[in-house]
Amino acid sequence: MTARVLLVTLLIGVPAFLLAPAAPFGPAIWPAPAPLTPAPTPGQVKLLMVFGALEAAALGLGAAFVILGWPLVRRAAAPERGRAVAFYLGTAWLLVNWWLHDGLHMVSGMNPGALVWIEYGFHGTLIAAGAALAWCFATLDWQRSAPRTR
């Protein structure tokens, strides 16, 4: 399983890194990035590139989770299915959204109309995913602490 996860992560993550807005092949799919003022220093460029690699790896890992994790959700016991689906979707979204999210920030700059869509489409759904995961954990705790009846 670990080798399959690594393979999917690399098969998705490496192209994602190379296709980011400021990456070598990014102009093939993205509009030009909004200019940064002031321009980043060489050290800042390196830090941003490292973080771009992390976001691309998260996209690949999220894709691996989506592809390889679904059988775990299918095997969840019937009363746990809703919680399992919430865990699955919340975890997947928390991993896969960053590459597109960051790319849209890069190409939209400080355009208020675009920022509203990014805020609601990404930031809002990330809040919802976090809340869903918190609900999952909270209900697991309540289930364990509730008195058992036969």
N, C-alpha and C. Protein backbone atom coordinates (compact mmCIF):
# COMPACT_ATOMS: atom_id res chain seq x y z
N MET A 1 0.83 -1.20 0.00
CA MET A 1 0.00 0.00 0.00
C MET A 1 0.87 1.26 0.00
N THR A 2 1.96 1.27 0.77
CA THR A 2 2.82 2.44 0.86
C THR A 2 3.43 2.77 -0.50
N ALA A 3 3.86 1.76 -1.24
CA ALA A 3 4.44 1.99 -2.57
C ALA A 3 3.40 2.58 -3.52
N ARG A 4 2.16 2.11 -3.43
CA ARG A 4 1.10 2.65 -4.29
C ARG A 4 0.81 4.10 -3.94
N VAL A 5 0.79 4.42 -2.66
CA VAL A 5 0.57 5.80 -2.23
C VAL A 5 1.69 6.69 -2.76
N LEU A 6 2.92 6.25 -2.61
CA LEU A 6 4.06 7.03 -3.10
C LEU A 6 3.99 7.20 -4.61
N LEU A 7 3.64 6.15 -5.33
CA LEU A 7 3.54 6.23 -6.79
C LEU A 7 2.49 7.24 -7.24
N VAL A 8 1.30 7.16 -6.67
CA VAL A 8 0.23 8.11 -7.04
C VAL A 8 0.63 9.52 -6.65
N THR A 9 1.23 9.68 -5.46
CA THR A 9 1.66 11.00 -5.01
C THR A 9 2.64 11.61 -6.01
N LEU A 10 3.60 10.84 -6.46
CA LEU A 10 4.58 11.34 -7.42
C LEU A 10 3.98 11.57 -8.80
N LEU A 11 3.11 10.67 -9.25
CA LEU A 11 2.50 10.82 -10.57
C LEU A 11 1.62 12.06 -10.67
N ILE A 12 1.05 12.49 -9.57
CA ILE A 12 0.22 13.70 -9.55
C ILE A 12 1.06 14.90 -9.11
N GLY A 13 1.87 14.73 -8.08
CA GLY A 13 2.60 15.85 -7.49
C GLY A 13 3.66 16.46 -8.38
N VAL A 14 4.44 15.64 -9.08
CA VAL A 14 5.51 16.19 -9.92
C VAL A 14 4.94 17.04 -11.06
N PRO A 15 3.96 16.53 -11.83
CA PRO A 15 3.38 17.41 -12.86
C PRO A 15 2.72 18.66 -12.26
N ALA A 16 2.09 18.53 -11.11
CA ALA A 16 1.46 19.70 -10.48
C ALA A 16 2.51 20.75 -10.15
N PHE A 17 3.67 20.33 -9.65
CA PHE A 17 4.75 21.27 -9.34
C PHE A 17 5.22 21.97 -10.61
N LEU A 18 5.37 21.22 -11.69
CA LEU A 18 5.86 21.79 -12.94
C LEU A 18 4.82 22.65 -13.66
N LEU A 19 3.53 22.48 -13.29
CA LEU A 19 2.45 23.23 -13.93
C LEU A 19 1.88 24.35 -13.05
N ALA A 20 2.53 24.66 -11.94
CA ALA A 20 2.08 25.77 -11.09
C ALA A 20 2.22 27.08 -11.87
N PRO A 21 1.50 28.13 -11.50
CA PRO A 21 1.50 29.36 -12.30
C PRO A 21 2.89 29.93 -12.61
N ALA A 22 3.82 29.91 -11.65
CA ALA A 22 5.14 30.48 -11.88
C ALA A 22 6.18 29.43 -12.25
N ALA A 23 5.75 28.20 -12.47
CA ALA A 23 6.67 27.11 -12.80
C ALA A 23 6.95 27.08 -14.31
N PRO A 24 7.90 26.26 -14.73
CA PRO A 24 8.30 26.26 -16.14
C PRO A 24 7.16 26.00 -17.13
N PHE A 25 6.24 25.10 -16.81
CA PHE A 25 5.16 24.78 -17.75
C PHE A 25 3.82 25.41 -17.34
N GLY A 26 3.83 26.23 -16.31
CA GLY A 26 2.61 26.87 -15.82
C GLY A 26 1.88 27.70 -16.84
N PRO A 27 2.60 28.48 -17.67
CA PRO A 27 1.88 29.30 -18.67
C PRO A 27 1.04 28.49 -19.65
N ALA A 28 1.25 27.20 -19.70
CA ALA A 28 0.43 26.36 -20.59
C ALA A 28 -1.01 26.28 -20.12
N ILE A 29 -1.25 26.44 -18.81
CA ILE A 29 -2.61 26.31 -18.30
C ILE A 29 -3.09 27.49 -17.47
N TRP A 30 -2.19 28.37 -17.02
CA TRP A 30 -2.55 29.49 -16.15
C TRP A 30 -2.33 30.83 -16.86
N PRO A 31 -3.14 31.84 -16.52
CA PRO A 31 -2.78 33.19 -16.96
C PRO A 31 -1.49 33.62 -16.25
N ALA A 32 -0.90 34.69 -16.70
CA ALA A 32 0.33 35.18 -16.07
C ALA A 32 0.06 35.53 -14.60
N PRO A 33 0.98 35.18 -13.70
CA PRO A 33 0.79 35.54 -12.29
C PRO A 33 0.76 37.07 -12.12
N ALA A 34 -0.01 37.52 -11.15
CA ALA A 34 -0.06 38.95 -10.84
C ALA A 34 1.32 39.37 -10.33
N PRO A 35 1.76 40.56 -10.68
CA PRO A 35 3.09 40.98 -10.23
C PRO A 35 3.11 41.18 -8.71
N LEU A 36 4.23 40.84 -8.13
CA LEU A 36 4.43 41.06 -6.70
C LEU A 36 5.18 42.37 -6.52
N THR A 37 4.68 43.23 -5.66
CA THR A 37 5.36 44.48 -5.38
C THR A 37 5.61 44.59 -3.89
N PRO A 38 6.82 44.68 -3.47
CA PRO A 38 8.03 44.60 -4.27
C PRO A 38 8.30 43.16 -4.71
N ALA A 39 9.19 43.03 -5.68
CA ALA A 39 9.56 41.69 -6.16
C ALA A 39 10.21 40.91 -5.02
N PRO A 40 9.96 39.60 -4.95
CA PRO A 40 10.57 38.81 -3.87
C PRO A 40 12.09 38.73 -4.03
N THR A 41 12.77 38.62 -2.90
CA THR A 41 14.21 38.44 -2.90
C THR A 41 14.52 37.02 -3.36
N PRO A 42 15.75 36.74 -3.75
CA PRO A 42 16.10 35.36 -4.13
C PRO A 42 15.81 34.35 -3.01
N GLY A 43 16.04 34.73 -1.77
CA GLY A 43 15.73 33.83 -0.65
C GLY A 43 14.24 33.57 -0.52
N GLN A 44 13.43 34.61 -0.73
CA GLN A 44 11.99 34.44 -0.67
C GLN A 44 11.49 33.58 -1.83
N VAL A 45 12.08 33.73 -3.00
CA VAL A 45 11.71 32.89 -4.15
C VAL A 45 11.95 31.43 -3.82
N LYS A 46 13.09 31.13 -3.21
CA LYS A 46 13.40 29.74 -2.83
C LYS A 46 12.39 29.21 -1.82
N LEU A 47 12.05 30.03 -0.82
CA LEU A 47 11.07 29.61 0.19
C LEU A 47 9.71 29.36 -0.45
N LEU A 48 9.31 30.23 -1.37
CA LEU A 48 8.03 30.04 -2.06
C LEU A 48 8.06 28.79 -2.93
N MET A 49 9.21 28.50 -3.54
CA MET A 49 9.33 27.30 -4.37
C MET A 49 9.23 26.04 -3.51
N VAL A 50 9.85 26.06 -2.35
CA VAL A 50 9.75 24.90 -1.45
C VAL A 50 8.30 24.69 -1.04
N PHE A 51 7.61 25.78 -0.71
CA PHE A 51 6.21 25.63 -0.32
C PHE A 51 5.35 25.16 -1.49
N GLY A 52 5.67 25.61 -2.70
CA GLY A 52 4.97 25.12 -3.89
C GLY A 52 5.15 23.62 -4.06
N ALA A 53 6.36 23.14 -3.76
CA ALA A 53 6.60 21.69 -3.83
C ALA A 53 5.77 20.96 -2.79
N LEU A 54 5.65 21.54 -1.59
CA LEU A 54 4.82 20.92 -0.54
C LEU A 54 3.35 20.89 -0.96
N GLU A 55 2.87 21.96 -1.57
CA GLU A 55 1.48 21.98 -2.03
C GLU A 55 1.24 20.96 -3.14
N ALA A 56 2.19 20.82 -4.05
CA ALA A 56 2.06 19.83 -5.12
C ALA A 56 2.08 18.42 -4.53
N ALA A 57 2.94 18.20 -3.53
CA ALA A 57 2.98 16.89 -2.87
C ALA A 57 1.68 16.62 -2.13
N ALA A 58 1.10 17.64 -1.49
CA ALA A 58 -0.19 17.47 -0.81
C ALA A 58 -1.28 17.11 -1.81
N LEU A 59 -1.25 17.72 -2.99
CA LEU A 59 -2.21 17.37 -4.04
C LEU A 59 -2.04 15.90 -4.42
N GLY A 60 -0.80 15.47 -4.63
CA GLY A 60 -0.56 14.07 -4.97
C GLY A 60 -0.98 13.12 -3.87
N LEU A 61 -0.65 13.46 -2.62
CA LEU A 61 -1.05 12.62 -1.49
C LEU A 61 -2.57 12.59 -1.35
N GLY A 62 -3.21 13.73 -1.56
CA GLY A 62 -4.67 13.77 -1.51
C GLY A 62 -5.29 12.91 -2.59
N ALA A 63 -4.71 12.95 -3.80
CA ALA A 63 -5.22 12.10 -4.88
C ALA A 63 -5.05 10.63 -4.52
N ALA A 64 -3.91 10.29 -3.93
CA ALA A 64 -3.68 8.90 -3.49
C ALA A 64 -4.71 8.51 -2.44
N PHE A 65 -5.01 9.43 -1.53
CA PHE A 65 -6.00 9.16 -0.50
C PHE A 65 -7.38 8.96 -1.12
N VAL A 66 -7.74 9.81 -2.08
CA VAL A 66 -9.04 9.69 -2.73
C VAL A 66 -9.15 8.35 -3.46
N ILE A 67 -8.11 7.99 -4.18
CA ILE A 67 -8.14 6.76 -4.98
C ILE A 67 -8.05 5.51 -4.11
N LEU A 68 -7.12 5.51 -3.17
CA LEU A 68 -6.85 4.30 -2.40
C LEU A 68 -7.60 4.23 -1.07
N GLY A 69 -8.14 5.35 -0.60
CA GLY A 69 -8.82 5.37 0.69
C GLY A 69 -10.29 5.01 0.64
N TRP A 70 -10.90 5.09 -0.54
CA TRP A 70 -12.34 4.81 -0.64
C TRP A 70 -12.71 3.41 -0.17
N PRO A 71 -11.92 2.38 -0.45
CA PRO A 71 -12.30 1.05 0.06
C PRO A 71 -12.45 1.02 1.59
N LEU A 72 -11.69 1.83 2.29
CA LEU A 72 -11.84 1.89 3.75
C LEU A 72 -13.20 2.45 4.14
N VAL A 73 -13.66 3.44 3.38
CA VAL A 73 -14.98 4.04 3.66
C VAL A 73 -16.07 3.02 3.35
N ARG A 74 -15.93 2.31 2.24
CA ARG A 74 -16.93 1.31 1.87
C ARG A 74 -17.05 0.21 2.92
N ARG A 75 -15.95 -0.12 3.59
CA ARG A 75 -15.97 -1.18 4.59
C ARG A 75 -16.47 -0.70 5.96
N ALA A 76 -16.72 0.59 6.10
CA ALA A 76 -17.17 1.12 7.39
C ALA A 76 -18.52 0.49 7.74
N ALA A 77 -18.70 0.21 9.01
CA ALA A 77 -19.98 -0.36 9.47
C ALA A 77 -21.11 0.62 9.16
N ALA A 78 -22.29 0.10 8.92
CA ALA A 78 -23.44 0.92 8.52
C ALA A 78 -23.66 2.12 9.44
N PRO A 79 -23.67 1.98 10.78
CA PRO A 79 -23.91 3.17 11.60
C PRO A 79 -22.76 4.17 11.54
N GLU A 80 -21.62 3.75 11.08
CA GLU A 80 -20.46 4.63 11.01
C GLU A 80 -20.26 5.24 9.62
N ARG A 81 -21.08 4.86 8.66
CA ARG A 81 -20.86 5.28 7.28
C ARG A 81 -20.86 6.79 7.13
N GLY A 82 -21.80 7.50 7.71
CA GLY A 82 -21.84 8.96 7.60
C GLY A 82 -20.58 9.60 8.13
N ARG A 83 -20.12 9.15 9.26
CA ARG A 83 -18.89 9.67 9.85
C ARG A 83 -17.70 9.33 8.96
N ALA A 84 -17.66 8.10 8.43
CA ALA A 84 -16.56 7.70 7.56
C ALA A 84 -16.51 8.56 6.29
N VAL A 85 -17.66 8.85 5.71
CA VAL A 85 -17.69 9.69 4.51
C VAL A 85 -17.24 11.11 4.85
N ALA A 86 -17.67 11.63 6.01
CA ALA A 86 -17.23 12.96 6.43
C ALA A 86 -15.71 13.00 6.64
N PHE A 87 -15.16 11.98 7.28
CA PHE A 87 -13.71 11.88 7.44
C PHE A 87 -13.03 11.87 6.07
N TYR A 88 -13.54 11.05 5.18
CA TYR A 88 -12.95 10.87 3.85
C TYR A 88 -12.97 12.19 3.06
N LEU A 89 -14.13 12.81 2.96
CA LEU A 89 -14.25 14.04 2.18
C LEU A 89 -13.48 15.19 2.81
N GLY A 90 -13.58 15.33 4.13
CA GLY A 90 -12.85 16.42 4.81
C GLY A 90 -11.36 16.27 4.66
N THR A 91 -10.85 15.07 4.86
CA THR A 91 -9.41 14.84 4.72
C THR A 91 -8.96 15.06 3.29
N ALA A 92 -9.71 14.54 2.33
CA ALA A 92 -9.35 14.71 0.92
C ALA A 92 -9.29 16.19 0.56
N TRP A 93 -10.29 16.97 0.94
CA TRP A 93 -10.32 18.39 0.59
C TRP A 93 -9.19 19.15 1.26
N LEU A 94 -8.89 18.83 2.51
CA LEU A 94 -7.79 19.51 3.20
C LEU A 94 -6.46 19.23 2.50
N LEU A 95 -6.31 18.11 1.84
CA LEU A 95 -5.07 17.80 1.13
C LEU A 95 -5.04 18.34 -0.30
N VAL A 96 -6.12 18.18 -1.05
CA VAL A 96 -6.04 18.45 -2.48
C VAL A 96 -6.26 19.91 -2.88
N ASN A 97 -6.82 20.73 -2.03
CA ASN A 97 -7.21 22.07 -2.46
C ASN A 97 -6.07 23.05 -2.63
N TRP A 98 -4.94 22.84 -2.01
CA TRP A 98 -3.91 23.88 -1.90
C TRP A 98 -3.28 24.28 -3.21
N TRP A 99 -3.05 23.35 -4.10
CA TRP A 99 -2.39 23.68 -5.36
C TRP A 99 -3.25 24.65 -6.18
N LEU A 100 -4.52 24.32 -6.37
CA LEU A 100 -5.41 25.20 -7.12
C LEU A 100 -5.65 26.51 -6.35
N HIS A 101 -5.85 26.41 -5.07
CA HIS A 101 -6.10 27.56 -4.21
C HIS A 101 -4.96 28.58 -4.34
N ASP A 102 -3.72 28.11 -4.16
CA ASP A 102 -2.57 28.99 -4.24
C ASP A 102 -2.39 29.54 -5.66
N GLY A 103 -2.61 28.69 -6.66
CA GLY A 103 -2.50 29.14 -8.04
C GLY A 103 -3.48 30.26 -8.35
N LEU A 104 -4.71 30.13 -7.86
CA LEU A 104 -5.70 31.19 -8.10
C LEU A 104 -5.31 32.48 -7.39
N HIS A 105 -4.76 32.38 -6.19
CA HIS A 105 -4.26 33.58 -5.51
C HIS A 105 -3.16 34.24 -6.34
N MET A 106 -2.27 33.43 -6.90
CA MET A 106 -1.15 33.98 -7.66
C MET A 106 -1.60 34.71 -8.91
N VAL A 107 -2.58 34.19 -9.62
CA VAL A 107 -2.98 34.81 -10.88
C VAL A 107 -4.03 35.91 -10.69
N SER A 108 -4.72 35.92 -9.55
CA SER A 108 -5.75 36.95 -9.35
C SER A 108 -5.22 38.20 -8.68
N GLY A 109 -4.08 38.11 -8.01
CA GLY A 109 -3.54 39.28 -7.33
C GLY A 109 -4.52 39.80 -6.29
N MET A 110 -4.72 41.09 -6.28
CA MET A 110 -5.63 41.69 -5.30
C MET A 110 -6.96 42.10 -5.93
N ASN A 111 -7.40 41.35 -6.93
CA ASN A 111 -8.68 41.59 -7.58
C ASN A 111 -9.79 41.22 -6.60
N PRO A 112 -10.56 42.22 -6.12
CA PRO A 112 -11.58 41.92 -5.10
C PRO A 112 -12.62 40.89 -5.53
N GLY A 113 -13.05 40.93 -6.78
CA GLY A 113 -14.04 39.95 -7.24
C GLY A 113 -13.51 38.53 -7.17
N ALA A 114 -12.27 38.33 -7.61
CA ALA A 114 -11.66 37.01 -7.55
C ALA A 114 -11.43 36.58 -6.11
N LEU A 115 -11.02 37.53 -5.27
CA LEU A 115 -10.77 37.19 -3.86
C LEU A 115 -12.03 36.72 -3.15
N VAL A 116 -13.18 37.32 -3.49
CA VAL A 116 -14.44 36.88 -2.88
C VAL A 116 -14.70 35.41 -3.23
N TRP A 117 -14.51 35.04 -4.50
CA TRP A 117 -14.72 33.65 -4.91
C TRP A 117 -13.73 32.71 -4.23
N ILE A 118 -12.48 33.14 -4.10
CA ILE A 118 -11.48 32.31 -3.43
C ILE A 118 -11.83 32.15 -1.95
N GLU A 119 -12.24 33.24 -1.32
CA GLU A 119 -12.60 33.19 0.11
C GLU A 119 -13.72 32.18 0.35
N TYR A 120 -14.78 32.30 -0.43
CA TYR A 120 -15.93 31.42 -0.22
C TYR A 120 -15.68 30.01 -0.74
N GLY A 121 -15.07 29.91 -1.91
CA GLY A 121 -14.86 28.60 -2.54
C GLY A 121 -13.82 27.75 -1.85
N PHE A 122 -12.78 28.37 -1.31
CA PHE A 122 -11.72 27.61 -0.66
C PHE A 122 -11.73 27.81 0.84
N HIS A 123 -11.60 29.04 1.29
CA HIS A 123 -11.51 29.27 2.73
C HIS A 123 -12.78 28.80 3.44
N GLY A 124 -13.93 29.08 2.86
CA GLY A 124 -15.19 28.65 3.48
C GLY A 124 -15.33 27.14 3.53
N THR A 125 -14.94 26.47 2.44
CA THR A 125 -15.05 25.02 2.44
C THR A 125 -14.00 24.37 3.32
N LEU A 126 -12.86 25.02 3.49
CA LEU A 126 -11.85 24.50 4.43
C LEU A 126 -12.37 24.59 5.86
N ILE A 127 -13.06 25.67 6.18
CA ILE A 127 -13.69 25.79 7.50
C ILE A 127 -14.72 24.68 7.68
N ALA A 128 -15.53 24.45 6.65
CA ALA A 128 -16.54 23.38 6.72
C ALA A 128 -15.88 22.01 6.89
N ALA A 129 -14.79 21.76 6.17
CA ALA A 129 -14.09 20.47 6.29
C ALA A 129 -13.54 20.30 7.71
N GLY A 130 -12.95 21.36 8.25
CA GLY A 130 -12.45 21.30 9.63
C GLY A 130 -13.57 21.05 10.62
N ALA A 131 -14.71 21.71 10.42
CA ALA A 131 -15.86 21.51 11.30
C ALA A 131 -16.38 20.07 11.19
N ALA A 132 -16.40 19.53 9.97
CA ALA A 132 -16.86 18.15 9.79
C ALA A 132 -15.93 17.17 10.51
N LEU A 133 -14.63 17.40 10.40
CA LEU A 133 -13.69 16.52 11.10
C LEU A 133 -13.81 16.66 12.61
N ALA A 134 -14.02 17.88 13.09
CA ALA A 134 -14.24 18.08 14.53
C ALA A 134 -15.50 17.34 14.98
N TRP A 135 -16.56 17.41 14.18
CA TRP A 135 -17.79 16.67 14.50
C TRP A 135 -17.51 15.18 14.56
N CYS A 136 -16.73 14.68 13.60
CA CYS A 136 -16.40 13.25 13.58
C CYS A 136 -15.69 12.84 14.86
N PHE A 137 -14.69 13.60 15.25
CA PHE A 137 -13.96 13.26 16.46
C PHE A 137 -14.83 13.40 17.70
N ALA A 138 -15.62 14.46 17.75
CA ALA A 138 -16.48 14.67 18.92
C ALA A 138 -17.49 13.55 19.08
N THR A 139 -18.08 13.11 17.99
CA THR A 139 -19.08 12.05 18.10
C THR A 139 -18.43 10.70 18.40
N LEU A 140 -17.21 10.50 17.98
CA LEU A 140 -16.50 9.28 18.37
C LEU A 140 -16.30 9.25 19.88
N ASP A 141 -15.92 10.39 20.44
CA ASP A 141 -15.71 10.49 21.89
C ASP A 141 -17.02 10.28 22.64
N TRP A 142 -18.10 10.89 22.16
CA TRP A 142 -19.39 10.73 22.82
C TRP A 142 -19.83 9.27 22.76
N GLN A 143 -19.59 8.64 21.65
CA GLN A 143 -20.00 7.24 21.49
C GLN A 143 -19.25 6.37 22.48
N ARG A 144 -17.98 6.60 22.71
CA ARG A 144 -17.20 5.79 23.64
C ARG A 144 -17.59 6.03 25.08
N SER A 145 -17.94 7.28 25.42
CA SER A 145 -18.25 7.59 26.81
C SER A 145 -19.70 7.30 27.17
N ALA A 146 -20.55 7.03 26.19
CA ALA A 146 -21.96 6.74 26.47
C ALA A 146 -22.07 5.34 27.10
N PRO A 147 -23.02 5.17 28.02
CA PRO A 147 -23.18 3.84 28.60
C PRO A 147 -23.59 2.83 27.54
N ARG A 148 -23.05 1.67 27.61
CA ARG A 148 -23.33 0.62 26.62
C ARG A 148 -24.61 -0.12 27.01
N THR A 149 -25.46 -0.30 26.01
CA THR A 149 -26.69 -1.08 26.23
C THR A 149 -26.71 -2.22 25.25
N ARG A 150 -27.31 -3.30 25.62
CA ARG A 150 -27.35 -4.47 24.73
C ARG A 150 -28.71 -4.59 24.11
